[in-house]
């Protein structure tokens, strides 16, 4: 059996690196082969699963330095029935890749906005006068480097190796304990993972909107979890895109959606909210540096 996995491309992105880890995990633990399918954006990766072009997608959801990846959350809310099968947590180490002979020669630095933000202190210290240009991915600009020795890109060591490009500086992220959480997402009935993905699942992710912006609109839904002793590991608001001041609330819960306390919580929650979307229960697979 061979399945296809969408991810943010071109090859060499951190998302592809996480997807490669998951491909190896599938082969080792389930005997399943997988092929990787790069897409130009996170939204297109998720849409590929929604329309059935691929069976799975690996998408970034949260970075320990810069917080949530809003495109992932917004697209999941817009698409119906996509389910999280696993979470992957991967250490992130950024490098400055360039054909320039020295830092003094660099005039422009390209990368994904998250990577640029994670290295902003280093850039201010060592390249204070360069132009910083956001790209769709960390690897989008790598093919330009050999033609222009005044530009650089922030990407991974693996990306530099894949494109056979020199590294000018390593470990340039502002904080060493930098990691990103990815979700493996599928349609609800993807056989490749359904047998084990929710077995003993430790987390559930969901989102909801509230009927009106009134006192207690958020407090009452949150009290449902507190009263049942269910811990929330993340809560974040996103605009509904309908009107200024209206928000959706994304929550990660440390419980399986099928547990008795969660079934009770979900039943009570519906009294206070407008729309509820449950993105799935899942386990977390940590990726160590030795596995990269």
C-alpha atoms as a PDB file:
ATOM      1  CA  UNK A   1       0.000   0.000   0.000  1.00  0.00           C
ATOM      2  CA  UNK A   2       1.325   3.430  -0.975  1.00  0.00           C
ATOM      3  CA  UNK A   3      -0.172   6.714   0.175  1.00  0.00           C
ATOM      4  CA  UNK A   4       0.572  10.314  -0.794  1.00  0.00           C
ATOM      5  CA  UNK A   5       1.411  13.118   1.637  1.00  0.00           C
ATOM      6  CA  UNK A   6       1.068  16.813   0.778  1.00  0.00           C
ATOM      7  CA  UNK A   7       3.451  19.344   2.322  1.00  0.00           C
ATOM      8  CA  UNK A   8       4.728  22.856   1.839  1.00  0.00           C
ATOM      9  CA  UNK A   9       7.449  22.863  -0.834  1.00  0.00           C
ATOM     10  CA  UNK A  10       9.778  23.166  -2.633  1.00  0.00           C
ATOM     11  CA  UNK A  11      11.873  20.258  -1.289  1.00  0.00           C
ATOM     12  CA  UNK A  12      14.028  21.121   1.699  1.00  0.00           C
ATOM     13  CA  UNK A  13      11.457  22.960   3.821  1.00  0.00           C
ATOM     14  CA  UNK A  14      11.105  22.141   7.504  1.00  0.00           C
ATOM     15  CA  UNK A  15       7.635  20.810   6.751  1.00  0.00           C
ATOM     16  CA  UNK A  16       9.096  18.375   4.235  1.00  0.00           C
ATOM     17  CA  UNK A  17      11.646  17.354   6.874  1.00  0.00           C
ATOM     18  CA  UNK A  18       8.814  16.572   9.294  1.00  0.00           C
ATOM     19  CA  UNK A  19       6.988  14.708   6.529  1.00  0.00           C
ATOM     20  CA  UNK A  20      10.090  12.607   5.803  1.00  0.00           C
ATOM     21  CA  UNK A  21      10.220  11.647   9.470  1.00  0.00           C
ATOM     22  CA  UNK A  22       6.560  10.612   9.305  1.00  0.00           C
ATOM     23  CA  UNK A  23       7.135   8.605   6.104  1.00  0.00           C
ATOM     24  CA  UNK A  24       9.906   6.689   7.881  1.00  0.00           C
ATOM     25  CA  UNK A  25       7.673   6.196  10.920  1.00  0.00           C
ATOM     26  CA  UNK A  26       4.872   4.783   8.748  1.00  0.00           C
ATOM     27  CA  UNK A  27       7.250   2.364   7.048  1.00  0.00           C
ATOM     28  CA  UNK A  28       8.766   1.169  10.328  1.00  0.00           C
ATOM     29  CA  UNK A  29       5.605   0.880  12.410  1.00  0.00           C
ATOM     30  CA  UNK A  30       2.901   0.088   9.868  1.00  0.00           C
ATOM     31  CA  UNK A  31       4.666  -1.235   6.796  1.00  0.00           C
ATOM     32  CA  UNK A  32       3.157   1.538   4.677  1.00  0.00           C
ATOM     33  CA  UNK A  33       5.047   3.286   1.886  1.00  0.00           C
ATOM     34  CA  UNK A  34       4.405   6.944   1.153  1.00  0.00           C
ATOM     35  CA  UNK A  35       5.340   9.498  -1.489  1.00  0.00           C
ATOM     36  CA  UNK A  36       5.739  13.204  -0.813  1.00  0.00           C
ATOM     37  CA  UNK A  37       3.846  15.813  -2.838  1.00  0.00           C
ATOM     38  CA  UNK A  38       5.082  19.421  -2.475  1.00  0.00           C
ATOM     39  CA  UNK A  39       2.593  22.295  -2.779  1.00  0.00           C
ATOM     40  CA  UNK A  40       3.257  26.058  -3.003  1.00  0.00           C
ATOM     41  CA  UNK A  41       1.363  26.923   0.186  1.00  0.00           C
ATOM     42  CA  UNK A  42       0.019  25.446   3.422  1.00  0.00           C
ATOM     43  CA  UNK A  43      -3.544  26.130   2.283  1.00  0.00           C
ATOM     44  CA  UNK A  44      -3.006  24.210  -0.958  1.00  0.00           C
ATOM     45  CA  UNK A  45      -1.549  21.279   1.000  1.00  0.00           C
ATOM     46  CA  UNK A  46      -4.697  21.046   3.111  1.00  0.00           C
ATOM     47  CA  UNK A  47      -6.960  21.538   0.105  1.00  0.00           C
ATOM     48  CA  UNK A  48      -5.210  18.631  -1.641  1.00  0.00           C
ATOM     49  CA  UNK A  49      -6.409  16.340   1.160  1.00  0.00           C
ATOM     50  CA  UNK A  50      -9.895  17.853   1.206  1.00  0.00           C
ATOM     51  CA  UNK A  51     -10.463  17.116  -2.496  1.00  0.00           C
ATOM     52  CA  UNK A  52      -8.789  13.698  -2.358  1.00  0.00           C
ATOM     53  CA  UNK A  53      -5.669  14.473  -4.397  1.00  0.00           C
ATOM     54  CA  UNK A  54      -3.559  13.169  -1.481  1.00  0.00           C
ATOM     55  CA  UNK A  55      -4.399  10.998   1.506  1.00  0.00           C
ATOM     56  CA  UNK A  56      -2.523  13.069   4.096  1.00  0.00           C
ATOM     57  CA  UNK A  57      -0.930  16.460   4.631  1.00  0.00           C
ATOM     58  CA  UNK A  58       1.756  17.545   7.069  1.00  0.00           C
ATOM     59  CA  UNK A  59       1.308  21.198   8.058  1.00  0.00           C
ATOM     60  CA  UNK A  60       2.958  23.440  10.677  1.00  0.00           C
ATOM     61  CA  UNK A  61       0.635  24.666  13.405  1.00  0.00           C
ATOM     62  CA  UNK A  62       2.723  26.306  16.121  1.00  0.00           C
ATOM     63  CA  UNK A  63       6.270  27.486  16.771  1.00  0.00           C
ATOM     64  CA  UNK A  64       7.710  27.837  20.259  1.00  0.00           C
ATOM     65  CA  UNK A  65       9.072  31.326  19.471  1.00  0.00           C
ATOM     66  CA  UNK A  66       6.531  32.889  17.123  1.00  0.00           C
ATOM     67  CA  UNK A  67       3.306  31.150  18.071  1.00  0.00           C
ATOM     68  CA  UNK A  68       0.605  29.796  15.815  1.00  0.00           C
ATOM     69  CA  UNK A  69       0.751  29.419  12.048  1.00  0.00           C
ATOM     70  CA  UNK A  70      -2.446  31.269  11.242  1.00  0.00           C
ATOM     71  CA  UNK A  71      -2.816  29.961   7.689  1.00  0.00           C
ATOM     72  CA  UNK A  72      -3.100  26.427   9.031  1.00  0.00           C
ATOM     73  CA  UNK A  73      -5.784  27.341  11.560  1.00  0.00           C
ATOM     74  CA  UNK A  74      -7.788  29.515   9.169  1.00  0.00           C
ATOM     75  CA  UNK A  75      -7.759  26.871   6.416  1.00  0.00           C
ATOM     76  CA  UNK A  76      -8.766  24.067   8.778  1.00  0.00           C
ATOM     77  CA  UNK A  77     -11.744  26.130   9.919  1.00  0.00           C
ATOM     78  CA  UNK A  78     -12.795  26.806   6.328  1.00  0.00           C
ATOM     79  CA  UNK A  79     -12.501  23.192   5.162  1.00  0.00           C
ATOM     80  CA  UNK A  80     -14.978  20.602   6.397  1.00  0.00           C
ATOM     81  CA  UNK A  81     -14.203  17.251   7.998  1.00  0.00           C
ATOM     82  CA  UNK A  82     -10.394  17.231   7.926  1.00  0.00           C
ATOM     83  CA  UNK A  83      -9.062  15.355  10.940  1.00  0.00           C
ATOM     84  CA  UNK A  84      -5.755  15.500  12.807  1.00  0.00           C
ATOM     85  CA  UNK A  85      -4.161  12.041  13.002  1.00  0.00           C
ATOM     86  CA  UNK A  86      -0.889  12.844  14.774  1.00  0.00           C
ATOM     87  CA  UNK A  87       1.162  15.774  16.033  1.00  0.00           C
ATOM     88  CA  UNK A  88       4.890  15.938  15.325  1.00  0.00           C
ATOM     89  CA  UNK A  89       7.199  18.150  17.396  1.00  0.00           C
ATOM     90  CA  UNK A  90      10.498  18.924  15.665  1.00  0.00           C
ATOM     91  CA  UNK A  91      13.518  20.976  16.775  1.00  0.00           C
ATOM     92  CA  UNK A  92      14.274  23.849  14.385  1.00  0.00           C
ATOM     93  CA  UNK A  93      17.815  25.097  13.729  1.00  0.00           C
ATOM     94  CA  UNK A  94      18.146  27.876  11.174  1.00  0.00           C
ATOM     95  CA  UNK A  95      21.161  28.518   8.950  1.00  0.00           C
ATOM     96  CA  UNK A  96      22.108  31.419   6.698  1.00  0.00           C
ATOM     97  CA  UNK A  97      22.722  30.078   3.192  1.00  0.00           C
ATOM     98  CA  UNK A  98      24.495  32.189   0.572  1.00  0.00           C
ATOM     99  CA  UNK A  99      27.171  32.134  -2.112  1.00  0.00           C
ATOM    100  CA  UNK A 100      28.506  35.443  -0.751  1.00  0.00           C
ATOM    101  CA  UNK A 101      32.102  35.429   0.450  1.00  0.00           C
ATOM    102  CA  UNK A 102      31.209  37.287   3.661  1.00  0.00           C
ATOM    103  CA  UNK A 103      28.287  38.756   5.571  1.00  0.00           C
ATOM    104  CA  UNK A 104      29.339  42.238   4.404  1.00  0.00           C
ATOM    105  CA  UNK A 105      28.418  41.315   0.814  1.00  0.00           C
ATOM    106  CA  UNK A 106      24.795  40.438   1.600  1.00  0.00           C
ATOM    107  CA  UNK A 107      22.134  43.004   0.715  1.00  0.00           C
ATOM    108  CA  UNK A 108      18.944  40.903   0.847  1.00  0.00           C
ATOM    109  CA  UNK A 109      17.732  37.973   2.962  1.00  0.00           C
ATOM    110  CA  UNK A 110      14.780  35.768   1.958  1.00  0.00           C
ATOM    111  CA  UNK A 111      12.786  33.223   3.941  1.00  0.00           C
ATOM    112  CA  UNK A 112       9.359  32.275   5.250  1.00  0.00           C
ATOM    113  CA  UNK A 113       7.944  34.954   7.611  1.00  0.00           C
ATOM    114  CA  UNK A 114       8.107  32.556  10.580  1.00  0.00           C
ATOM    115  CA  UNK A 115      11.808  31.844   9.990  1.00  0.00           C
ATOM    116  CA  UNK A 116      12.615  35.541   9.566  1.00  0.00           C
ATOM    117  CA  UNK A 117      10.821  36.328  12.829  1.00  0.00           C
ATOM    118  CA  UNK A 118      12.663  33.542  14.660  1.00  0.00           C
ATOM    119  CA  UNK A 119      16.001  35.048  13.574  1.00  0.00           C
ATOM    120  CA  UNK A 120      15.199  38.752  13.858  1.00  0.00           C
ATOM    121  CA  UNK A 121      17.612  39.366  16.749  1.00  0.00           C
ATOM    122  CA  UNK A 122      20.501  37.735  14.886  1.00  0.00           C
ATOM    123  CA  UNK A 123      19.676  39.686  11.727  1.00  0.00           C
ATOM    124  CA  UNK A 124      19.598  42.972  13.631  1.00  0.00           C
ATOM    125  CA  UNK A 125      22.974  42.221  15.189  1.00  0.00           C
ATOM    126  CA  UNK A 126      24.897  40.867  12.189  1.00  0.00           C
ATOM    127  CA  UNK A 127      22.973  42.159   9.139  1.00  0.00           C
ATOM    128  CA  UNK A 128      21.292  45.350  10.383  1.00  0.00           C
ATOM    129  CA  UNK A 129      21.094  47.049   6.984  1.00  0.00           C
ATOM    130  CA  UNK A 130      19.884  44.214   4.745  1.00  0.00           C
ATOM    131  CA  UNK A 131      16.487  44.101   3.078  1.00  0.00           C
ATOM    132  CA  UNK A 132      14.371  41.252   4.486  1.00  0.00           C
ATOM    133  CA  UNK A 133      11.879  39.726   2.032  1.00  0.00           C
ATOM    134  CA  UNK A 134       9.266  37.140   3.087  1.00  0.00           C
ATOM    135  CA  UNK A 135       8.700  34.101   0.849  1.00  0.00           C
ATOM    136  CA  UNK A 136       6.093  31.333   0.765  1.00  0.00           C
ATOM    137  CA  UNK A 137       8.663  28.873   2.146  1.00  0.00           C
ATOM    138  CA  UNK A 138      12.203  28.735   3.505  1.00  0.00           C
ATOM    139  CA  UNK A 139      13.473  27.129   0.276  1.00  0.00           C
ATOM    140  CA  UNK A 140      11.706  29.251  -2.353  1.00  0.00           C
ATOM    141  CA  UNK A 141      14.679  31.580  -2.841  1.00  0.00           C
ATOM    142  CA  UNK A 142      17.458  28.985  -2.813  1.00  0.00           C
ATOM    143  CA  UNK A 143      17.559  28.638  -6.588  1.00  0.00           C
ATOM    144  CA  UNK A 144      18.420  32.349  -6.887  1.00  0.00           C
ATOM    145  CA  UNK A 145      21.539  32.196  -4.743  1.00  0.00           C
ATOM    146  CA  UNK A 146      24.017  30.977  -7.354  1.00  0.00           C
ATOM    147  CA  UNK A 147      22.999  33.776  -9.744  1.00  0.00           C
ATOM    148  CA  UNK A 148      23.258  36.581  -7.189  1.00  0.00           C
ATOM    149  CA  UNK A 149      26.003  36.564  -4.552  1.00  0.00           C
ATOM    150  CA  UNK A 150      24.461  39.524  -2.707  1.00  0.00           C
ATOM    151  CA  UNK A 151      21.446  37.569  -1.468  1.00  0.00           C
ATOM    152  CA  UNK A 152      20.983  34.951   1.242  1.00  0.00           C
ATOM    153  CA  UNK A 153      18.233  32.676   2.513  1.00  0.00           C
ATOM    154  CA  UNK A 154      17.382  31.344   5.953  1.00  0.00           C
ATOM    155  CA  UNK A 155      16.667  27.622   5.794  1.00  0.00           C
ATOM    156  CA  UNK A 156      17.816  24.302   7.245  1.00  0.00           C
ATOM    157  CA  UNK A 157      21.147  22.545   6.983  1.00  0.00           C
ATOM    158  CA  UNK A 158      19.339  19.803   5.076  1.00  0.00           C
ATOM    159  CA  UNK A 159      18.137  22.355   2.523  1.00  0.00           C
ATOM    160  CA  UNK A 160      21.696  23.580   1.960  1.00  0.00           C
ATOM    161  CA  UNK A 161      22.797  19.992   1.387  1.00  0.00           C
ATOM    162  CA  UNK A 162      19.934  19.237  -1.006  1.00  0.00           C
ATOM    163  CA  UNK A 163      20.704  22.301  -3.140  1.00  0.00           C
ATOM    164  CA  UNK A 164      24.491  21.985  -2.719  1.00  0.00           C
ATOM    165  CA  UNK A 165      24.834  25.516  -1.361  1.00  0.00           C
ATOM    166  CA  UNK A 166      27.295  26.942   1.193  1.00  0.00           C
ATOM    167  CA  UNK A 167      26.315  27.861   4.751  1.00  0.00           C
ATOM    168  CA  UNK A 168      27.618  31.184   6.065  1.00  0.00           C
ATOM    169  CA  UNK A 169      26.279  30.860   9.618  1.00  0.00           C
ATOM    170  CA  UNK A 170      24.586  28.098  11.616  1.00  0.00           C
ATOM    171  CA  UNK A 171      22.241  28.149  14.588  1.00  0.00           C
ATOM    172  CA  UNK A 172      21.079  31.706  13.930  1.00  0.00           C
ATOM    173  CA  UNK A 173      17.639  31.375  15.575  1.00  0.00           C
ATOM    174  CA  UNK A 174      17.416  33.770  18.505  1.00  0.00           C
ATOM    175  CA  UNK A 175      16.663  31.050  21.068  1.00  0.00           C
ATOM    176  CA  UNK A 176      18.248  27.582  20.984  1.00  0.00           C
ATOM    177  CA  UNK A 177      15.147  25.761  22.273  1.00  0.00           C
ATOM    178  CA  UNK A 178      13.278  26.403  19.055  1.00  0.00           C
ATOM    179  CA  UNK A 179      10.752  23.805  17.930  1.00  0.00           C
ATOM    180  CA  UNK A 180       7.697  23.601  15.688  1.00  0.00           C
ATOM    181  CA  UNK A 181       4.603  21.468  16.090  1.00  0.00           C
ATOM    182  CA  UNK A 182       3.146  19.940  12.929  1.00  0.00           C
ATOM    183  CA  UNK A 183      -0.159  18.179  12.378  1.00  0.00           C
ATOM    184  CA  UNK A 184      -0.680  15.149  10.168  1.00  0.00           C
ATOM    185  CA  UNK A 185      -4.119  15.725   8.657  1.00  0.00           C
ATOM    186  CA  UNK A 186      -6.399  13.415   6.685  1.00  0.00           C
ATOM    187  CA  UNK A 187      -9.996  12.910   5.692  1.00  0.00           C
ATOM    188  CA  UNK A 188     -11.909  11.063   8.446  1.00  0.00           C
ATOM    189  CA  UNK A 189     -11.658   7.595   6.889  1.00  0.00           C
ATOM    190  CA  UNK A 190      -8.027   7.339   5.816  1.00  0.00           C
ATOM    191  CA  UNK A 191      -7.281   3.668   6.458  1.00  0.00           C
ATOM    192  CA  UNK A 192      -3.526   4.216   6.633  1.00  0.00           C
ATOM    193  CA  UNK A 193      -3.726   5.700  10.100  1.00  0.00           C
ATOM    194  CA  UNK A 194      -7.228   5.249  11.469  1.00  0.00           C
ATOM    195  CA  UNK A 195      -6.435   1.951  13.206  1.00  0.00           C
ATOM    196  CA  UNK A 196      -3.943   3.415  15.657  1.00  0.00           C
ATOM    197  CA  UNK A 197      -3.979   7.228  15.467  1.00  0.00           C
ATOM    198  CA  UNK A 198      -6.589   7.705  18.181  1.00  0.00           C
ATOM    199  CA  UNK A 199      -5.618   4.753  20.375  1.00  0.00           C
ATOM    200  CA  UNK A 200      -4.995   6.253  23.797  1.00  0.00           C
ATOM    201  CA  UNK A 201      -4.938   9.718  22.228  1.00  0.00           C
ATOM    202  CA  UNK A 202      -3.554  12.344  24.590  1.00  0.00           C
ATOM    203  CA  UNK A 203      -4.872  15.523  22.956  1.00  0.00           C
ATOM    204  CA  UNK A 204      -7.930  16.832  21.149  1.00  0.00           C
ATOM    205  CA  UNK A 205      -8.059  20.013  19.063  1.00  0.00           C
ATOM    206  CA  UNK A 206     -11.245  21.937  18.403  1.00  0.00           C
ATOM    207  CA  UNK A 207     -12.524  25.397  17.530  1.00  0.00           C
ATOM    208  CA  UNK A 208     -15.756  27.258  18.095  1.00  0.00           C
ATOM    209  CA  UNK A 209     -17.474  30.557  17.519  1.00  0.00           C
ATOM    210  CA  UNK A 210     -19.733  32.297  20.022  1.00  0.00           C
ATOM    211  CA  UNK A 211     -23.181  33.773  19.239  1.00  0.00           C
ATOM    212  CA  UNK A 212     -22.361  37.332  20.316  1.00  0.00           C
ATOM    213  CA  UNK A 213     -19.616  39.470  21.823  1.00  0.00           C
ATOM    214  CA  UNK A 214     -21.168  39.828  25.280  1.00  0.00           C
ATOM    215  CA  UNK A 215     -19.845  39.480  28.862  1.00  0.00           C
ATOM    216  CA  UNK A 216     -19.159  35.811  29.637  1.00  0.00           C
ATOM    217  CA  UNK A 217     -19.257  34.714  25.987  1.00  0.00           C
ATOM    218  CA  UNK A 218     -15.853  33.028  26.328  1.00  0.00           C
ATOM    219  CA  UNK A 219     -15.904  32.419  30.086  1.00  0.00           C
ATOM    220  CA  UNK A 220     -18.889  30.086  29.980  1.00  0.00           C
ATOM    221  CA  UNK A 221     -17.400  27.674  27.398  1.00  0.00           C
ATOM    222  CA  UNK A 222     -14.088  27.589  29.251  1.00  0.00           C
ATOM    223  CA  UNK A 223     -15.803  26.904  32.567  1.00  0.00           C
ATOM    224  CA  UNK A 224     -17.226  23.714  31.059  1.00  0.00           C
ATOM    225  CA  UNK A 225     -13.704  22.266  30.822  1.00  0.00           C
ATOM    226  CA  UNK A 226     -12.585  23.642  34.195  1.00  0.00           C
ATOM    227  CA  UNK A 227     -15.534  22.165  36.066  1.00  0.00           C
ATOM    228  CA  UNK A 228     -14.787  18.719  34.636  1.00  0.00           C
ATOM    229  CA  UNK A 229     -11.066  18.953  35.445  1.00  0.00           C
ATOM    230  CA  UNK A 230      -9.966  18.963  31.790  1.00  0.00           C
ATOM    231  CA  UNK A 231      -6.748  20.869  31.156  1.00  0.00           C
ATOM    232  CA  UNK A 232      -6.339  23.161  28.136  1.00  0.00           C
ATOM    233  CA  UNK A 233      -2.817  23.234  26.687  1.00  0.00           C
ATOM    234  CA  UNK A 234      -3.517  26.029  24.185  1.00  0.00           C
ATOM    235  CA  UNK A 235      -6.182  28.629  23.474  1.00  0.00           C
ATOM    236  CA  UNK A 236      -6.038  31.228  20.729  1.00  0.00           C
ATOM    237  CA  UNK A 237      -8.437  33.575  18.994  1.00  0.00           C
ATOM    238  CA  UNK A 238      -8.698  34.237  15.272  1.00  0.00           C
ATOM    239  CA  UNK A 239     -10.965  36.766  13.529  1.00  0.00           C
ATOM    240  CA  UNK A 240     -14.113  35.313  11.983  1.00  0.00           C
ATOM    241  CA  UNK A 241     -13.493  37.539   8.936  1.00  0.00           C
ATOM    242  CA  UNK A 242     -17.170  38.547   9.123  1.00  0.00           C
ATOM    243  CA  UNK A 243     -16.910  41.655  11.284  1.00  0.00           C
ATOM    244  CA  UNK A 244     -14.310  43.522  13.325  1.00  0.00           C
ATOM    245  CA  UNK A 245     -14.356  42.268  16.911  1.00  0.00           C
ATOM    246  CA  UNK A 246     -15.793  38.805  16.129  1.00  0.00           C
ATOM    247  CA  UNK A 247     -13.536  35.853  16.896  1.00  0.00           C
ATOM    248  CA  UNK A 248     -13.145  32.109  16.609  1.00  0.00           C
ATOM    249  CA  UNK A 249     -11.449  30.279  19.484  1.00  0.00           C
ATOM    250  CA  UNK A 250      -9.030  27.409  18.879  1.00  0.00           C
ATOM    251  CA  UNK A 251      -8.383  25.085  21.820  1.00  0.00           C
ATOM    252  CA  UNK A 252      -6.108  22.111  22.467  1.00  0.00           C
ATOM    253  CA  UNK A 253      -7.399  19.837  25.217  1.00  0.00           C
ATOM    254  CA  UNK A 254      -5.410  17.239  27.144  1.00  0.00           C
ATOM    255  CA  UNK A 255      -8.022  14.509  26.732  1.00  0.00           C
ATOM    256  CA  UNK A 256      -9.414  12.068  24.199  1.00  0.00           C
ATOM    257  CA  UNK A 257     -12.661  13.174  22.533  1.00  0.00           C
ATOM    258  CA  UNK A 258     -14.196   9.778  23.300  1.00  0.00           C
ATOM    259  CA  UNK A 259     -13.507   9.880  27.055  1.00  0.00           C
ATOM    260  CA  UNK A 260     -16.492  10.206  29.389  1.00  0.00           C
ATOM    261  CA  UNK A 261     -15.459  13.645  30.669  1.00  0.00           C
ATOM    262  CA  UNK A 262     -14.904  14.980  27.137  1.00  0.00           C
ATOM    263  CA  UNK A 263     -18.249  13.662  25.891  1.00  0.00           C
ATOM    264  CA  UNK A 264     -19.886  15.434  28.805  1.00  0.00           C
ATOM    265  CA  UNK A 265     -17.899  18.614  28.120  1.00  0.00           C
ATOM    266  CA  UNK A 266     -18.804  18.661  24.438  1.00  0.00           C
ATOM    267  CA  UNK A 267     -22.481  18.203  25.237  1.00  0.00           C
ATOM    268  CA  UNK A 268     -22.407  21.124  27.702  1.00  0.00           C
ATOM    269  CA  UNK A 269     -20.290  23.266  25.381  1.00  0.00           C
ATOM    270  CA  UNK A 270     -22.991  23.330  22.712  1.00  0.00           C
ATOM    271  CA  UNK A 271     -25.219  25.360  25.035  1.00  0.00           C
ATOM    272  CA  UNK A 272     -22.917  28.377  24.830  1.00  0.00           C
ATOM    273  CA  UNK A 273     -21.445  28.379  21.319  1.00  0.00           C
ATOM    274  CA  UNK A 274     -22.558  29.016  17.754  1.00  0.00           C
ATOM    275  CA  UNK A 275     -20.447  26.590  15.655  1.00  0.00           C
ATOM    276  CA  UNK A 276     -18.209  23.769  16.939  1.00  0.00           C
ATOM    277  CA  UNK A 277     -15.572  21.947  14.886  1.00  0.00           C
ATOM    278  CA  UNK A 278     -13.640  19.018  16.358  1.00  0.00           C
ATOM    279  CA  UNK A 279     -10.400  18.513  14.452  1.00  0.00           C
ATOM    280  CA  UNK A 280      -9.615  15.147  16.045  1.00  0.00           C
ATOM    281  CA  UNK A 281      -7.903  13.327  18.887  1.00  0.00           C
ATOM    282  CA  UNK A 282      -4.284  12.340  18.442  1.00  0.00           C
ATOM    283  CA  UNK A 283      -0.973  11.431  20.019  1.00  0.00           C
ATOM    284  CA  UNK A 284       2.244  13.438  19.814  1.00  0.00           C
ATOM    285  CA  UNK A 285       5.334  11.991  18.149  1.00  0.00           C
ATOM    286  CA  UNK A 286       8.485  13.858  19.253  1.00  0.00           C
ATOM    287  CA  UNK A 287      11.292  14.109  16.709  1.00  0.00           C
ATOM    288  CA  UNK A 288      14.785  14.165  18.196  1.00  0.00           C
ATOM    289  CA  UNK A 289      17.816  15.764  16.563  1.00  0.00           C
ATOM    290  CA  UNK A 290      19.267  12.299  16.001  1.00  0.00           C
ATOM    291  CA  UNK A 291      16.314  11.414  13.778  1.00  0.00           C
ATOM    292  CA  UNK A 292      16.699  14.395  11.466  1.00  0.00           C
END
